[in-house]
Amino acid sequence: MQLKGNWNYPTAIRFGAGRASELPVMCAELGIKRPLLVTDPGLAKLPLIPRLLDFLHSAGLAASVFSDLRPNPVGRDVDAGVAAYHGGSHDGVIAVGGGSALDVGKAIALMVGQDRPLWDFEDVGDNWTRVNVAGVAPTIAVPTTAGTGSEVGRASLIIDENGHRKVIIFHPAMLPKLVLADPELTCGLPRHLTAATGIDAFVHNLEAFCSPYYHPIAQGVALEGMRLVHDWLEAACNNGNNVEARSHMLAASIMGATAFQKGLGGVHALAHPIGAHFDTHHGLANAILLPYVLVKNRPAIEERIVAAARYIGLTDASFDGFLSWTLQLRAKLGIAHSLAEIGISREHAAMIGHDAKQDPSDGGNPLPLSADDYAAIFLAACEGNVHG
């Protein structure tokens, strides 16, 4: 089977190995002649970015690069990108990279035509109606990791440094018009990042699957996304140039972000403030937290977890079997078992518990949790005590 296709859900996606050369054609489709290529500082130093620029320049497109952003991006990163966009008289954004670059690129495209500050578009109530839609620049997303799925998302996660919190900036027009999903572009990702981002994709699918809201379409997408991670993440980690494994993981990432419009849950509610306060890699935080939240949610999700265990092909298709598999997978991939192993201590439990309860992802958790509940999960994750 050829792992290639043009998909139109949830946006227009050009999926398949070797399709990076189609980038200029995609710009032409959107009328972009002077794209601002937004990426992260590490990726900007690698051969991929000059390669993409060569495609664009050879087609007569006046492209330039903006890469002044942080792994956990802050509002200043977006402001700097907007200044670069206007300074170069650009007419569209190409966001290239993992979740950070994609989120910043989408936020820049949103903000170039607004006269309100970024935080006025936080995903609360009807704030999204404040957006001047005509001012949103066209965006092409080019993922280089298989994790966040931000390429098919309608929001960006940006840290408000004054409030020490991750803020979801949302508008439907933030969904990129086109996605270039070439799995070959993910082949250079180191093993530890392949593992962390891969489990991030799994958590997106899992939390969407367990969310209590009614969305059968997302439910089906999430279930198959989990199976792809089960079948292919280890292979992608063991051989980074396995294009088949990379293809399936990139698809699973896209599926997770498509499914989680149904909702996320406690893993993300905790991971967001942990990232805001400790600058922790988002995928790694999710990967560490996953089993602790699973155990807490067990009374509300056991039946669904059993169904998922059967579907992905576990020999022991029970809740305990599923939990055991997640723990074994993390160990095989070198994921830390506790937050303490990455330098996060228990003294912050009350603060993280409070912030987690305020996080929008809390609303999608299948079991109502209090700030004290979140603090207890955080403590368990610090101590590495899965079963409480």
Protein backbone atom coordinates (compact mmCIF):
# COMPACT_ATOMS: atom_id res chain seq x y z
CA MET A 1 0.00 0.00 0.00
CA GLN A 2 1.34 3.42 -0.97
CA LEU A 3 1.26 5.70 2.07
CA LYS A 4 0.33 8.80 0.11
CA GLY A 5 -2.82 10.82 -0.41
CA ASN A 6 -4.55 14.18 -0.59
CA TRP A 7 -6.92 14.46 2.36
CA ASN A 8 -9.51 17.12 3.12
CA TYR A 9 -10.22 16.46 6.77
CA PRO A 10 -9.97 18.52 8.90
CA THR A 11 -8.20 20.72 6.33
CA ALA A 12 -6.43 20.17 3.00
CA ILE A 13 -3.49 17.82 3.65
CA ARG A 14 -0.86 16.65 1.15
CA PHE A 15 0.42 13.48 2.79
CA GLY A 16 3.31 11.33 1.61
CA ALA A 17 7.06 10.89 1.53
CA GLY A 18 8.97 13.15 -0.85
CA ARG A 19 6.30 15.82 -1.24
CA ALA A 20 8.32 18.72 0.19
CA SER A 21 9.10 19.90 -3.34
CA GLU A 22 5.40 20.74 -3.74
CA LEU A 23 5.70 23.66 -1.32
CA PRO A 24 5.93 26.39 -4.03
CA VAL A 25 2.82 25.01 -5.75
CA MET A 26 0.98 25.14 -2.44
CA CYS A 27 2.03 28.79 -2.01
CA ALA A 28 0.67 29.54 -5.48
CA GLU A 29 -2.66 27.95 -4.56
CA LEU A 30 -3.01 30.41 -1.68
CA GLY A 31 -1.65 33.40 -3.61
CA ILE A 32 1.43 33.66 -1.39
CA LYS A 33 4.39 35.35 -3.10
CA ARG A 34 6.41 36.56 -0.10
CA PRO A 35 6.16 33.87 2.59
CA LEU A 36 7.61 34.22 6.07
CA LEU A 37 8.99 30.81 7.03
CA VAL A 38 8.60 30.41 10.79
CA THR A 39 10.71 27.74 12.48
CA ASP A 40 12.68 27.13 15.68
CA PRO A 41 16.36 28.06 16.19
CA GLY A 42 17.58 24.44 16.20
CA LEU A 43 15.79 23.52 12.99
CA ALA A 44 16.96 26.75 11.33
CA LYS A 45 20.55 25.44 11.58
CA LEU A 46 19.79 22.12 9.87
CA PRO A 47 19.84 21.41 6.11
CA LEU A 48 16.04 21.16 5.87
CA ILE A 49 15.39 24.89 6.04
CA PRO A 50 17.89 25.85 3.29
CA ARG A 51 16.37 23.02 1.22
CA LEU A 52 12.86 24.42 1.60
CA LEU A 53 14.12 27.94 0.91
CA ASP A 54 15.79 26.69 -2.26
CA PHE A 55 12.46 25.26 -3.46
CA LEU A 56 10.77 28.58 -2.76
CA HIS A 57 13.48 30.86 -4.19
CA SER A 58 13.81 28.73 -7.32
CA ALA A 59 10.10 29.33 -7.91
CA GLY A 60 10.60 33.07 -7.61
CA LEU A 61 9.13 33.42 -4.14
CA ALA A 62 10.69 36.05 -1.86
CA ALA A 63 10.87 33.93 1.29
CA SER A 64 12.71 34.75 4.49
CA VAL A 65 13.08 33.02 7.86
CA PHE A 66 11.97 33.92 11.37
CA SER A 67 13.30 31.59 14.08
CA ASP A 68 13.52 33.69 17.25
CA LEU A 69 11.23 31.59 19.42
CA ARG A 70 11.46 29.43 22.53
CA PRO A 71 10.68 25.70 22.99
CA ASN A 72 7.74 26.79 25.13
CA PRO A 73 6.83 29.97 23.22
CA VAL A 74 5.89 33.22 24.96
CA GLY A 75 3.97 36.26 23.85
CA ARG A 76 7.17 38.13 22.96
CA ASP A 77 7.96 35.47 20.36
CA VAL A 78 4.70 36.18 18.56
CA ASP A 79 5.26 39.93 18.76
CA ALA A 80 8.72 39.57 17.22
CA GLY A 81 7.32 37.40 14.45
CA VAL A 82 4.59 39.93 13.64
CA ALA A 83 7.27 42.63 13.40
CA ALA A 84 9.32 40.42 11.05
CA TYR A 85 6.22 39.76 8.94
CA HIS A 86 5.45 43.45 8.48
CA GLY A 87 9.12 44.38 8.14
CA GLY A 88 9.53 42.01 5.20
CA SER A 89 6.19 42.92 3.58
CA HIS A 90 5.18 39.26 3.71
CA ASP A 91 1.83 37.96 2.53
CA GLY A 92 1.62 34.53 4.14
CA VAL A 93 3.18 32.19 6.71
CA ILE A 94 4.85 28.81 6.28
CA ALA A 95 5.18 27.25 9.75
CA VAL A 96 7.83 24.51 9.82
CA GLY A 97 8.70 22.37 12.83
CA GLY A 98 7.20 20.84 15.93
CA GLY A 99 4.44 22.23 18.09
CA SER A 100 6.33 25.36 19.14
CA ALA A 101 7.08 26.61 15.63
CA LEU A 102 3.65 25.64 14.35
CA ASP A 103 1.90 27.39 17.24
CA VAL A 104 3.97 30.55 16.85
CA GLY A 105 3.50 30.53 13.08
CA LYS A 106 -0.28 30.26 13.43
CA ALA A 107 -0.33 32.99 16.08
CA ILE A 108 1.74 35.30 13.89
CA ALA A 109 -0.64 34.71 10.98
CA LEU A 110 -3.54 35.59 13.28
CA MET A 111 -2.00 38.70 14.79
CA VAL A 112 -0.65 40.45 11.67
CA GLY A 113 -4.09 41.86 10.99
CA GLN A 114 -5.41 42.54 14.51
CA ASP A 115 -5.57 45.74 16.54
CA ARG A 116 -6.08 44.00 19.89
CA PRO A 117 -3.42 42.30 22.05
CA LEU A 118 -2.87 38.56 21.73
CA TRP A 119 -4.43 37.73 25.10
CA ASP A 120 -7.77 39.20 24.00
CA PHE A 121 -8.20 36.05 21.90
CA GLU A 122 -7.81 33.55 24.74
CA ASP A 123 -10.14 30.59 24.32
CA VAL A 124 -12.67 31.76 26.87
CA GLY A 125 -16.32 32.40 26.13
CA ASP A 126 -16.85 34.24 22.87
CA ASN A 127 -13.45 35.97 22.77
CA TRP A 128 -12.85 34.42 19.37
CA THR A 129 -15.53 36.68 17.88
CA ARG A 130 -13.20 39.66 18.44
CA VAL A 131 -10.90 38.51 15.62
CA ASN A 132 -10.77 40.51 12.39
CA VAL A 133 -10.96 37.47 10.13
CA ALA A 134 -10.03 39.45 7.02
CA GLY A 135 -6.69 40.28 8.66
CA VAL A 136 -5.62 36.65 9.21
CA ALA A 137 -2.76 35.70 6.87
CA PRO A 138 -2.89 32.42 4.90
CA THR A 139 -0.87 29.66 6.54
CA ILE A 140 0.83 26.49 5.33
CA ALA A 141 1.90 24.06 8.08
CA VAL A 142 4.85 21.70 7.62
CA PRO A 143 5.25 19.35 10.63
CA THR A 144 8.68 17.89 11.38
CA THR A 145 7.57 15.92 14.44
CA ALA A 146 4.79 13.39 14.97
CA GLY A 147 3.30 14.56 18.23
CA THR A 148 1.36 17.76 18.78
CA GLY A 149 -0.66 17.69 15.56
CA SER A 150 -0.71 21.49 15.69
CA GLU A 151 -0.74 21.49 11.89
CA VAL A 152 -4.43 20.59 12.00
CA GLY A 153 -5.35 22.67 15.04
CA ARG A 154 -7.35 25.88 15.37
CA ALA A 155 -5.39 27.17 18.33
CA SER A 156 -1.93 28.02 19.64
CA LEU A 157 -0.48 27.45 23.12
CA ILE A 158 1.45 30.55 24.15
CA ILE A 159 2.84 31.34 27.61
CA ASP A 160 1.73 34.55 29.29
CA GLU A 161 4.93 35.36 31.16
CA ASN A 162 3.23 37.80 33.51
CA GLY A 163 0.65 35.24 34.60
CA HIS A 164 2.96 32.18 34.42
CA ARG A 165 0.35 30.22 32.49
CA LYS A 166 -0.10 28.60 29.13
CA VAL A 167 -2.88 30.34 27.26
CA ILE A 168 -4.90 28.80 24.44
CA ILE A 169 -5.34 31.35 21.64
CA PHE A 170 -8.23 30.22 19.44
CA HIS A 171 -10.02 31.04 16.24
CA PRO A 172 -11.32 28.72 13.49
CA ALA A 173 -9.36 30.78 10.93
CA MET A 174 -6.13 29.70 12.64
CA LEU A 175 -6.51 26.25 11.06
CA PRO A 176 -3.84 26.19 8.32
CA LYS A 177 -5.28 26.33 4.82
CA LEU A 178 -2.83 23.67 3.62
CA VAL A 179 -0.69 21.05 5.38
CA LEU A 180 2.43 19.53 3.85
CA ALA A 181 2.78 16.23 5.73
CA ASP A 182 5.96 14.64 4.40
CA PRO A 183 7.14 11.90 6.80
CA GLU A 184 10.68 12.15 5.42
CA LEU A 185 10.92 15.52 7.17
CA THR A 186 10.51 13.74 10.53
CA CYS A 187 13.33 11.26 9.93
CA GLY A 188 15.97 13.50 11.48
CA LEU A 189 14.22 13.68 14.84
CA PRO A 190 16.39 12.17 17.62
CA ARG A 191 15.17 9.03 19.37
CA HIS A 192 14.28 10.73 22.69
CA LEU A 193 12.16 13.36 20.91
CA THR A 194 10.56 10.73 18.68
CA ALA A 195 9.55 8.89 21.85
CA ALA A 196 8.23 11.94 23.73
CA THR A 197 6.33 13.36 20.77
CA GLY A 198 5.00 9.91 19.86
CA ILE A 199 3.53 9.39 23.31
CA ASP A 200 2.15 12.93 23.11
CA ALA A 201 0.23 11.82 20.01
CA PHE A 202 -0.97 8.76 21.90
CA VAL A 203 -2.18 10.88 24.83
CA HIS A 204 -4.10 13.16 22.47
CA ASN A 205 -5.92 10.17 21.02
CA LEU A 206 -6.44 8.51 24.41
CA GLU A 207 -7.78 11.58 26.21
CA ALA A 208 -10.10 12.34 23.30
CA PHE A 209 -11.32 8.73 23.37
CA CYS A 210 -12.04 8.94 27.12
CA SER A 211 -13.58 12.42 27.06
CA PRO A 212 -17.22 12.29 28.20
CA TYR A 213 -18.56 14.44 25.38
CA TYR A 214 -20.55 13.03 22.45
CA HIS A 215 -18.55 12.97 19.21
CA PRO A 216 -18.60 9.54 17.49
CA ILE A 217 -16.44 10.77 14.59
CA ALA A 218 -13.63 11.82 16.94
CA GLN A 219 -14.11 8.60 18.90
CA GLY A 220 -13.37 6.45 15.84
CA VAL A 221 -10.41 8.58 14.76
CA ALA A 222 -8.91 8.40 18.26
CA LEU A 223 -9.20 4.63 18.46
CA GLU A 224 -7.34 4.06 15.18
CA GLY A 225 -4.77 6.70 16.15
CA MET A 226 -3.96 4.73 19.30
CA ARG A 227 -3.54 1.54 17.27
CA LEU A 228 -1.06 3.22 14.93
CA VAL A 229 1.05 4.39 17.87
CA HIS A 230 0.91 0.91 19.42
CA ASP A 231 2.06 -0.67 16.15
CA TRP A 232 4.66 1.84 14.95
CA LEU A 233 6.18 4.07 17.66
CA GLU A 234 8.84 1.59 18.75
CA ALA A 235 9.84 0.99 15.13
CA ALA A 236 10.16 4.74 14.53
CA CYS A 237 12.35 5.08 17.63
CA ASN A 238 14.52 2.06 16.83
CA ASN A 239 15.19 3.18 13.25
CA GLY A 240 14.66 6.86 12.65
CA ASN A 241 14.86 6.39 8.89
CA ASN A 242 12.02 3.87 8.76
CA VAL A 243 9.74 5.91 6.48
CA GLU A 244 6.84 3.48 6.87
CA ALA A 245 6.92 3.86 10.65
CA ARG A 246 7.38 7.61 10.36
CA SER A 247 4.39 7.80 7.99
CA HIS A 248 2.08 5.97 10.35
CA MET A 249 3.23 8.05 13.31
CA LEU A 250 2.68 11.29 11.40
CA ALA A 251 -0.82 10.10 10.56
CA ALA A 252 -1.42 9.19 14.22
CA SER A 253 -0.32 12.68 15.25
CA ILE A 254 -2.72 14.31 12.80
CA MET A 255 -5.47 11.99 14.02
CA GLY A 256 -4.87 12.87 17.67
CA ALA A 257 -5.19 16.59 17.07
CA THR A 258 -8.26 16.01 14.93
CA ALA A 259 -9.87 13.85 17.62
CA PHE A 260 -9.19 16.12 20.57
CA GLN A 261 -11.77 18.64 19.46
CA LYS A 262 -13.87 16.15 21.48
CA GLY A 263 -11.88 17.19 24.54
CA LEU A 264 -8.67 16.53 26.44
CA GLY A 265 -8.32 15.79 30.14
CA GLY A 266 -6.23 15.60 33.27
CA VAL A 267 -2.92 14.76 31.61
CA HIS A 268 -3.01 18.00 29.67
CA ALA A 269 -4.51 19.98 32.54
CA LEU A 270 -1.37 19.11 34.53
CA ALA A 271 1.14 19.26 31.67
CA HIS A 272 0.23 22.82 30.71
CA PRO A 273 1.08 24.47 34.06
CA ILE A 274 4.11 22.21 34.47
CA GLY A 275 5.36 23.47 31.10
CA ALA A 276 4.57 27.08 32.00
CA HIS A 277 6.39 26.98 35.35
CA PHE A 278 9.29 24.61 34.61
CA ASP A 279 9.77 24.95 30.83
CA THR A 280 9.27 21.20 30.47
CA HIS A 281 8.94 19.65 27.01
CA HIS A 282 5.19 19.20 26.54
CA GLY A 283 5.35 15.70 25.08
CA LEU A 284 7.68 14.51 27.83
CA ALA A 285 5.42 15.92 30.55
CA ASN A 286 2.43 14.12 29.01
CA ALA A 287 4.40 10.89 28.73
CA ILE A 288 5.43 10.98 32.39
CA LEU A 289 1.97 11.94 33.68
CA LEU A 290 -0.06 9.47 31.63
CA PRO A 291 -0.18 6.41 33.93
CA TYR A 292 -0.86 8.47 37.06
CA VAL A 293 -3.90 10.13 35.48
CA LEU A 294 -5.07 6.81 34.02
CA VAL A 295 -5.18 5.25 37.48
CA LYS A 296 -7.04 8.24 38.96
CA ASN A 297 -9.62 8.14 36.16
CA ARG A 298 -10.09 4.37 36.29
CA PRO A 299 -13.63 4.37 37.78
CA ALA A 300 -14.88 6.46 34.85
CA ILE A 301 -12.90 4.98 31.96
CA GLU A 302 -12.30 1.27 32.65
CA GLU A 303 -14.88 0.06 30.12
CA ARG A 304 -13.47 2.28 27.37
CA ILE A 305 -9.90 1.32 28.16
CA VAL A 306 -10.82 -2.37 27.85
CA ALA A 307 -12.35 -1.66 24.43
CA ALA A 308 -9.20 0.22 23.39
CA ALA A 309 -6.97 -2.58 24.66
CA ARG A 310 -8.88 -5.07 22.52
CA TYR A 311 -8.73 -2.86 19.44
CA ILE A 312 -5.01 -2.15 19.55
CA GLY A 313 -4.32 -5.85 20.03
CA LEU A 314 -3.09 -6.26 23.59
CA THR A 315 -2.86 -9.86 24.80
CA ASP A 316 -4.21 -8.78 28.18
CA ALA A 317 -7.19 -6.68 27.10
CA SER A 318 -8.00 -5.33 30.57
CA PHE A 319 -7.42 -2.01 32.30
CA ASP A 320 -4.44 -3.47 34.14
CA GLY A 321 -3.10 -4.90 30.89
CA PHE A 322 -3.40 -1.51 29.19
CA LEU A 323 -1.70 0.25 32.11
CA SER A 324 1.08 -2.33 32.12
CA TRP A 325 1.64 -1.86 28.40
CA THR A 326 1.93 1.94 28.76
CA LEU A 327 4.48 1.53 31.56
CA GLN A 328 6.49 -0.99 29.54
CA LEU A 329 6.41 1.24 26.45
CA ARG A 330 7.70 4.23 28.40
CA ALA A 331 10.50 2.14 29.88
CA LYS A 332 11.53 0.73 26.49
CA LEU A 333 11.67 4.23 25.01
CA GLY A 334 13.68 5.71 27.87
CA ILE A 335 10.93 7.97 29.21
CA ALA A 336 11.42 9.02 32.83
CA HIS A 337 9.05 7.31 35.25
CA SER A 338 8.69 10.27 37.61
CA LEU A 339 8.73 14.06 37.53
CA ALA A 340 11.53 13.98 40.10
CA GLU A 341 13.78 12.42 37.45
CA ILE A 342 13.50 15.61 35.36
CA GLY A 343 14.10 17.91 38.33
CA ILE A 344 10.55 18.73 39.44
CA SER A 345 9.93 18.48 43.18
CA ARG A 346 6.85 17.84 45.30
CA GLU A 347 6.93 21.27 46.98
CA HIS A 348 5.04 22.73 44.01
CA ALA A 349 2.02 20.45 44.36
CA ALA A 350 -0.48 23.04 45.61
CA MET A 351 0.46 25.55 42.92
CA ILE A 352 0.26 23.00 40.09
CA GLY A 353 -2.99 21.58 41.48
CA HIS A 354 -4.56 25.02 41.50
CA ASP A 355 -3.40 25.84 37.99
CA ALA A 356 -4.45 22.47 36.60
CA LYS A 357 -7.98 23.01 37.89
CA GLN A 358 -8.07 26.34 36.03
CA ASP A 359 -6.80 24.82 32.78
CA PRO A 360 -9.40 24.41 29.99
CA SER A 361 -8.45 20.74 29.58
CA ASP A 362 -9.86 20.03 33.02
CA GLY A 363 -13.36 20.31 31.58
CA GLY A 364 -12.82 17.27 29.36
CA ASN A 365 -11.60 14.93 32.08
CA PRO A 366 -13.98 11.96 32.41
CA LEU A 367 -13.92 12.16 36.21
CA PRO A 368 -14.49 15.48 38.01
CA LEU A 369 -11.23 16.43 39.72
CA SER A 370 -10.53 19.11 42.32
CA ALA A 371 -7.37 21.16 42.75
CA ASP A 372 -6.48 18.81 45.62
CA ASP A 373 -6.97 15.80 43.32
CA TYR A 374 -4.57 17.32 40.80
CA ALA A 375 -2.07 18.09 43.53
CA ALA A 376 -2.26 14.44 44.66
CA ILE A 377 -1.64 13.20 41.11
CA PHE A 378 1.30 15.59 40.84
CA LEU A 379 2.74 14.23 44.10
CA ALA A 380 2.32 10.65 42.90
CA ALA A 381 4.09 11.55 39.66
CA CYS A 382 6.93 13.20 41.58
CA GLU A 383 7.35 10.10 43.73
CA GLY A 384 6.86 7.58 40.89
CA ASN A 385 3.99 5.94 42.79
CA VAL A 386 1.53 4.90 40.07
CA HIS A 387 -0.90 2.99 42.26
CA GLY A 388 -1.17 5.55 45.04
